Amino acid sequence: MPRSLDTQPPAQPDQPHTPFYRYDPNLGGARDKYTRADFVHLNARQPEIPAVFVAVVEGETNINTMWGRRIVAWRAEPGTPCIIQGYWADGTVHLRWPAIGGHYRVDGRFPAWVVNADENAILAGGGRILSANNPAVRRSGAPAQLILGGFVLLIVIVLLAVPPTRDALAALAGDVLQQLVPSR
């Protein structure tokens, strides 16, 4: 029997102000009318709408691995980015996001109150443009490791330029070689 969840359930005891939802794979009816997200958000100019979770959502999904089918638990915290694919007539939304290790995507039907559309996010190729595509401005100048290496090299050159140090290092190298290579 299909279920519909229009009202927001109470918060979890350990997170009193954050709404919580446990994923139900049987939510909604299989015959409910489906509308793609771009037909609902006419100004979107793309078939998917960026969104973020506003509730803690937990669930589990079956994945196929080389060791067989596994049930893997997942959790989406508030602020987790996702994509709205569409809407069903009963008010539920079709969401997709990389929930398991950043690689396996969860694709499911959720109550509309668990997400909010993110009008400022930029999508490209079915996913969000990551902040790594807009790197921070790097400071100019030589890296600290290069400066340290140059300083150590300068000290070695100065030590080798002083005759007593050079003679002591040559004697030390000769003793070490004599220890390593047995005499005939």
Protein backbone atom coordinates (compact mmCIF):
# COMPACT_ATOMS: atom_id res chain seq x y z
CA MET A 1 0.00 0.00 0.00
CA PRO A 2 1.50 3.36 -0.98
CA ARG A 3 2.16 5.87 1.75
CA SER A 4 2.21 9.64 1.67
CA LEU A 5 3.85 11.88 4.26
CA ASP A 6 2.64 15.46 3.93
CA THR A 7 3.42 16.62 7.44
CA GLN A 8 6.80 16.96 9.00
CA PRO A 9 7.50 14.41 11.78
CA PRO A 10 8.96 15.48 15.12
CA ALA A 11 12.68 16.04 15.50
CA GLN A 12 15.05 13.36 16.72
CA PRO A 13 15.87 13.40 20.44
CA ASP A 14 19.59 14.03 19.86
CA GLN A 15 18.89 16.91 17.45
CA PRO A 16 15.90 18.77 18.88
CA HIS A 17 15.68 21.56 16.26
CA THR A 18 16.50 19.63 13.10
CA PRO A 19 13.69 17.70 11.39
CA PHE A 20 14.36 14.02 10.73
CA TYR A 21 13.10 11.65 8.04
CA ARG A 22 13.75 7.92 7.67
CA TYR A 23 13.69 6.94 3.99
CA ASP A 24 10.69 4.85 2.98
CA PRO A 25 11.12 3.12 -0.40
CA ASN A 26 7.32 2.60 -0.56
CA LEU A 27 6.44 6.29 -0.24
CA GLY A 28 3.75 7.42 -2.69
CA GLY A 29 1.83 5.56 -5.33
CA ALA A 30 3.33 3.96 -8.42
CA ARG A 31 0.57 5.43 -10.61
CA ASP A 32 0.92 9.05 -9.40
CA LYS A 33 1.42 11.62 -12.15
CA TYR A 34 5.06 12.70 -12.51
CA THR A 35 6.22 16.12 -13.70
CA ARG A 36 9.83 16.90 -14.59
CA ALA A 37 11.44 19.67 -12.55
CA ASP A 38 11.97 21.98 -15.54
CA PHE A 39 8.21 22.09 -16.15
CA VAL A 40 7.64 23.24 -12.57
CA HIS A 41 10.54 25.72 -12.38
CA LEU A 42 10.12 27.53 -15.68
CA ASN A 43 13.05 29.90 -15.14
CA ALA A 44 15.51 27.06 -14.48
CA ARG A 45 16.58 26.51 -18.14
CA GLN A 46 17.78 23.01 -17.28
CA PRO A 47 16.07 19.68 -16.65
CA GLU A 48 17.33 19.43 -13.05
CA ILE A 49 17.04 21.85 -10.16
CA PRO A 50 19.80 22.22 -7.56
CA ALA A 51 18.64 21.84 -3.97
CA VAL A 52 19.90 21.32 -0.43
CA PHE A 53 18.56 19.15 2.34
CA VAL A 54 16.95 21.00 5.25
CA ALA A 55 16.41 17.87 7.34
CA VAL A 56 18.46 14.92 8.48
CA VAL A 57 17.56 12.06 6.15
CA GLU A 58 18.68 8.49 6.78
CA GLY A 59 18.14 5.33 4.83
CA GLU A 60 19.74 2.35 3.22
CA THR A 61 20.07 1.08 -0.29
CA ASN A 62 21.17 -2.06 -2.09
CA ILE A 63 24.33 -1.77 -4.14
CA ASN A 64 26.06 -4.33 -6.32
CA THR A 65 29.74 -4.81 -5.61
CA MET A 66 32.22 -7.38 -6.82
CA TRP A 67 31.48 -9.25 -3.59
CA GLY A 68 27.74 -9.36 -4.31
CA ARG A 69 24.75 -7.30 -3.28
CA ARG A 70 25.17 -5.27 -0.11
CA ILE A 71 22.84 -3.13 1.96
CA VAL A 72 24.59 0.17 2.67
CA ALA A 73 23.33 2.80 5.09
CA TRP A 74 23.52 6.48 4.15
CA ARG A 75 22.76 9.80 5.84
CA ALA A 76 22.20 13.30 4.46
CA GLU A 77 22.74 16.19 6.84
CA PRO A 78 21.08 19.60 6.44
CA GLY A 79 23.01 21.55 3.81
CA THR A 80 23.92 18.48 1.74
CA PRO A 81 23.57 19.38 -1.95
CA CYS A 82 21.25 17.31 -4.11
CA ILE A 83 19.34 17.58 -7.38
CA ILE A 84 15.56 17.68 -7.83
CA GLN A 85 14.64 15.56 -10.86
CA GLY A 86 10.88 16.03 -10.67
CA TYR A 87 7.68 16.07 -8.65
CA TRP A 88 4.82 13.62 -8.17
CA ALA A 89 1.19 14.68 -7.89
CA ASP A 90 1.05 13.71 -4.19
CA GLY A 91 3.67 16.39 -3.35
CA THR A 92 6.72 14.14 -3.12
CA VAL A 93 9.96 14.95 -4.94
CA HIS A 94 12.41 12.88 -6.96
CA LEU A 95 15.91 13.51 -5.55
CA ARG A 96 19.39 12.34 -6.56
CA TRP A 97 22.78 12.93 -4.92
CA PRO A 98 26.10 11.13 -4.31
CA ALA A 99 25.35 9.82 -0.83
CA ILE A 100 27.59 6.80 -0.36
CA GLY A 101 31.27 7.63 -0.31
CA GLY A 102 30.71 10.43 -2.79
CA HIS A 103 30.43 7.84 -5.58
CA TYR A 104 27.20 5.86 -5.31
CA ARG A 105 24.18 8.02 -6.04
CA VAL A 106 20.95 7.64 -4.14
CA ASP A 107 17.93 8.20 -6.34
CA GLY A 108 14.57 8.19 -4.58
CA ARG A 109 11.22 9.66 -3.68
CA PHE A 110 11.09 11.92 -0.65
CA PRO A 111 8.62 14.29 1.03
CA ALA A 112 8.97 17.83 -0.30
CA TRP A 113 9.75 19.32 3.14
CA VAL A 114 13.17 17.59 3.35
CA VAL A 115 14.70 19.86 0.64
CA ASN A 116 14.70 23.46 -0.55
CA ALA A 117 15.55 24.52 -4.08
CA ASP A 118 18.93 26.30 -4.26
CA GLU A 119 18.48 29.15 -6.74
CA ASN A 120 22.13 30.28 -6.54
CA ALA A 121 23.82 26.93 -7.29
CA ILE A 122 25.32 26.33 -10.72
CA LEU A 123 24.81 22.99 -12.44
CA ALA A 124 26.86 21.55 -15.28
CA GLY A 125 26.57 18.12 -16.83
CA GLY A 126 24.06 16.79 -14.32
CA GLY A 127 25.98 17.86 -11.22
CA ARG A 128 27.03 20.87 -9.25
CA ILE A 129 30.07 22.88 -10.18
CA LEU A 130 32.37 22.28 -7.24
CA SER A 131 34.14 25.00 -5.34
CA ALA A 132 37.41 23.48 -6.59
CA ASN A 133 36.57 24.99 -9.97
CA ASN A 134 36.91 28.41 -8.36
CA PRO A 135 40.20 28.04 -6.49
CA ALA A 136 41.31 30.60 -3.95
CA VAL A 137 43.93 33.10 -5.04
CA ARG A 138 47.38 31.84 -4.10
CA ARG A 139 49.86 34.13 -2.46
CA SER A 140 52.79 35.23 -4.55
CA GLY A 141 56.39 34.47 -3.68
CA ALA A 142 58.49 31.39 -3.26
CA PRO A 143 57.13 28.45 -1.24
CA ALA A 144 58.51 28.03 2.27
CA GLN A 145 60.07 24.63 1.42
CA LEU A 146 62.07 26.16 -1.43
CA ILE A 147 63.38 28.91 0.85
CA LEU A 148 64.37 26.36 3.52
CA GLY A 149 66.14 24.16 0.94
CA GLY A 150 68.08 27.16 -0.38
CA PHE A 151 69.13 28.12 3.14
CA VAL A 152 70.42 24.59 3.90
CA LEU A 153 72.31 24.54 0.57
CA LEU A 154 73.92 27.89 1.41
CA ILE A 155 75.11 26.59 4.80
CA VAL A 156 76.63 23.48 3.17
CA ILE A 157 78.48 25.61 0.59
CA VAL A 158 79.85 27.91 3.31
CA LEU A 159 81.00 24.93 5.38
CA LEU A 160 82.78 23.41 2.39
CA ALA A 161 84.46 26.72 1.57
CA VAL A 162 86.17 26.91 4.98
CA PRO A 163 89.47 24.87 4.71
CA PRO A 164 89.45 23.26 8.21
CA THR A 165 85.84 22.09 7.79
CA ARG A 166 86.55 20.80 4.29
CA ASP A 167 89.62 18.82 5.55
CA ALA A 168 87.62 17.38 8.48
CA LEU A 169 84.78 16.27 6.17
CA ALA A 170 87.30 14.69 3.75
CA ALA A 171 88.94 12.75 6.61
CA LEU A 172 85.50 11.60 7.85
CA ALA A 173 84.50 10.45 4.36
CA GLY A 174 87.79 8.55 4.03
CA ASP A 175 87.27 6.79 7.38
CA VAL A 176 83.71 5.81 6.44
CA LEU A 177 84.84 4.44 3.08
CA GLN A 178 87.65 2.51 4.75
CA GLN A 179 85.13 0.91 7.13
CA LEU A 180 82.74 -0.03 4.30
CA VAL A 181 85.36 -1.38 1.88
CA PRO A 182 87.69 -3.93 3.49
CA SER A 183 91.37 -3.58 2.60
CA ARG A 184 93.17 -6.34 0.70
